[in-house]
């Protein structure tokens, strides 16, 4: 995206990127015939890979 970047151009590109990521995800699921795992159970927390701090510890 060329400079100067305008807010509406960045927003439009963001939407395009999101749609492309969703298409890639659907394609990957189709060729592997697999679904993504569901969300973490409520009692579990996803650690931050950089620090190892969990969501529960951070709150």
C-alpha atoms as a PDB file:
ATOM      1  CA  UNK A   1       0.000   0.000   0.000  1.00  0.00           C
ATOM      2  CA  UNK A   2       1.608   3.254  -1.079  1.00  0.00           C
ATOM      3  CA  UNK A   3       2.192   6.233   1.169  1.00  0.00           C
ATOM      4  CA  UNK A   4       0.548   8.362   2.343  1.00  0.00           C
ATOM      5  CA  UNK A   5      -1.901   5.893   3.776  1.00  0.00           C
ATOM      6  CA  UNK A   6      -5.394   7.086   4.387  1.00  0.00           C
ATOM      7  CA  UNK A   7      -7.596   5.629   7.093  1.00  0.00           C
ATOM      8  CA  UNK A   8     -10.228   4.435   4.612  1.00  0.00           C
ATOM      9  CA  UNK A   9      -7.549   2.730   2.459  1.00  0.00           C
ATOM     10  CA  UNK A  10      -6.120   0.914   5.467  1.00  0.00           C
ATOM     11  CA  UNK A  11      -9.615  -0.128   6.573  1.00  0.00           C
ATOM     12  CA  UNK A  12     -10.426  -1.446   3.091  1.00  0.00           C
ATOM     13  CA  UNK A  13      -7.161  -3.395   2.943  1.00  0.00           C
ATOM     14  CA  UNK A  14      -7.874  -4.814   6.392  1.00  0.00           C
ATOM     15  CA  UNK A  15     -11.231  -6.152   5.173  1.00  0.00           C
ATOM     16  CA  UNK A  16      -9.571  -7.637   2.075  1.00  0.00           C
ATOM     17  CA  UNK A  17      -6.931  -9.311   4.231  1.00  0.00           C
ATOM     18  CA  UNK A  18      -9.532 -10.753   6.597  1.00  0.00           C
ATOM     19  CA  UNK A  19     -11.525 -12.196   3.686  1.00  0.00           C
ATOM     20  CA  UNK A  20      -8.380 -13.733   2.194  1.00  0.00           C
ATOM     21  CA  UNK A  21      -7.448 -15.311   5.537  1.00  0.00           C
ATOM     22  CA  UNK A  22     -10.944 -16.780   5.844  1.00  0.00           C
ATOM     23  CA  UNK A  23     -10.719 -18.187   2.293  1.00  0.00           C
ATOM     24  CA  UNK A  24      -7.328 -19.717   3.128  1.00  0.00           C
ATOM     25  CA  UNK A  25      -8.750 -21.251   6.299  1.00  0.00           C
ATOM     26  CA  UNK A  26     -11.741 -22.745   4.466  1.00  0.00           C
ATOM     27  CA  UNK A  27      -9.443 -24.139   1.774  1.00  0.00           C
ATOM     28  CA  UNK A  28      -7.135 -25.716   4.363  1.00  0.00           C
ATOM     29  CA  UNK A  29     -10.097 -27.281   6.184  1.00  0.00           C
ATOM     30  CA  UNK A  30     -11.438 -28.656   2.884  1.00  0.00           C
ATOM     31  CA  UNK A  31      -8.194 -30.261   1.735  1.00  0.00           C
ATOM     32  CA  UNK A  32      -7.367 -31.728   5.142  1.00  0.00           C
ATOM     33  CA  UNK A  33     -10.979 -32.652   5.957  1.00  0.00           C
ATOM     34  CA  UNK A  34     -10.347 -31.426   9.478  1.00  0.00           C
ATOM     35  CA  UNK A  35     -11.851 -28.746  11.662  1.00  0.00           C
ATOM     36  CA  UNK A  36     -10.053 -26.416  13.998  1.00  0.00           C
ATOM     37  CA  UNK A  37     -10.180 -27.287  17.671  1.00  0.00           C
ATOM     38  CA  UNK A  38     -12.761 -25.462  19.730  1.00  0.00           C
ATOM     39  CA  UNK A  39     -12.048 -22.713  22.243  1.00  0.00           C
ATOM     40  CA  UNK A  40     -10.164 -23.408  25.442  1.00  0.00           C
ATOM     41  CA  UNK A  41     -12.326 -24.568  28.337  1.00  0.00           C
ATOM     42  CA  UNK A  42     -13.186 -21.706  30.689  1.00  0.00           C
ATOM     43  CA  UNK A  43     -10.854 -22.974  33.417  1.00  0.00           C
ATOM     44  CA  UNK A  44      -7.848 -23.057  31.067  1.00  0.00           C
ATOM     45  CA  UNK A  45      -5.878 -20.013  30.005  1.00  0.00           C
ATOM     46  CA  UNK A  46      -3.689 -19.461  26.998  1.00  0.00           C
ATOM     47  CA  UNK A  47      -0.147 -18.487  28.036  1.00  0.00           C
ATOM     48  CA  UNK A  48       1.613 -15.624  26.345  1.00  0.00           C
ATOM     49  CA  UNK A  49       4.459 -17.376  24.467  1.00  0.00           C
ATOM     50  CA  UNK A  50       6.863 -14.522  25.088  1.00  0.00           C
ATOM     51  CA  UNK A  51       6.432 -14.401  28.861  1.00  0.00           C
ATOM     52  CA  UNK A  52       4.636 -17.606  29.860  1.00  0.00           C
ATOM     53  CA  UNK A  53       2.116 -15.464  31.760  1.00  0.00           C
ATOM     54  CA  UNK A  54      -1.408 -16.842  31.489  1.00  0.00           C
ATOM     55  CA  UNK A  55      -4.524 -14.776  30.966  1.00  0.00           C
ATOM     56  CA  UNK A  56      -5.656 -15.663  34.504  1.00  0.00           C
ATOM     57  CA  UNK A  57      -2.363 -14.507  36.056  1.00  0.00           C
ATOM     58  CA  UNK A  58      -2.482 -11.231  34.114  1.00  0.00           C
ATOM     59  CA  UNK A  59      -5.941 -10.278  35.355  1.00  0.00           C
END
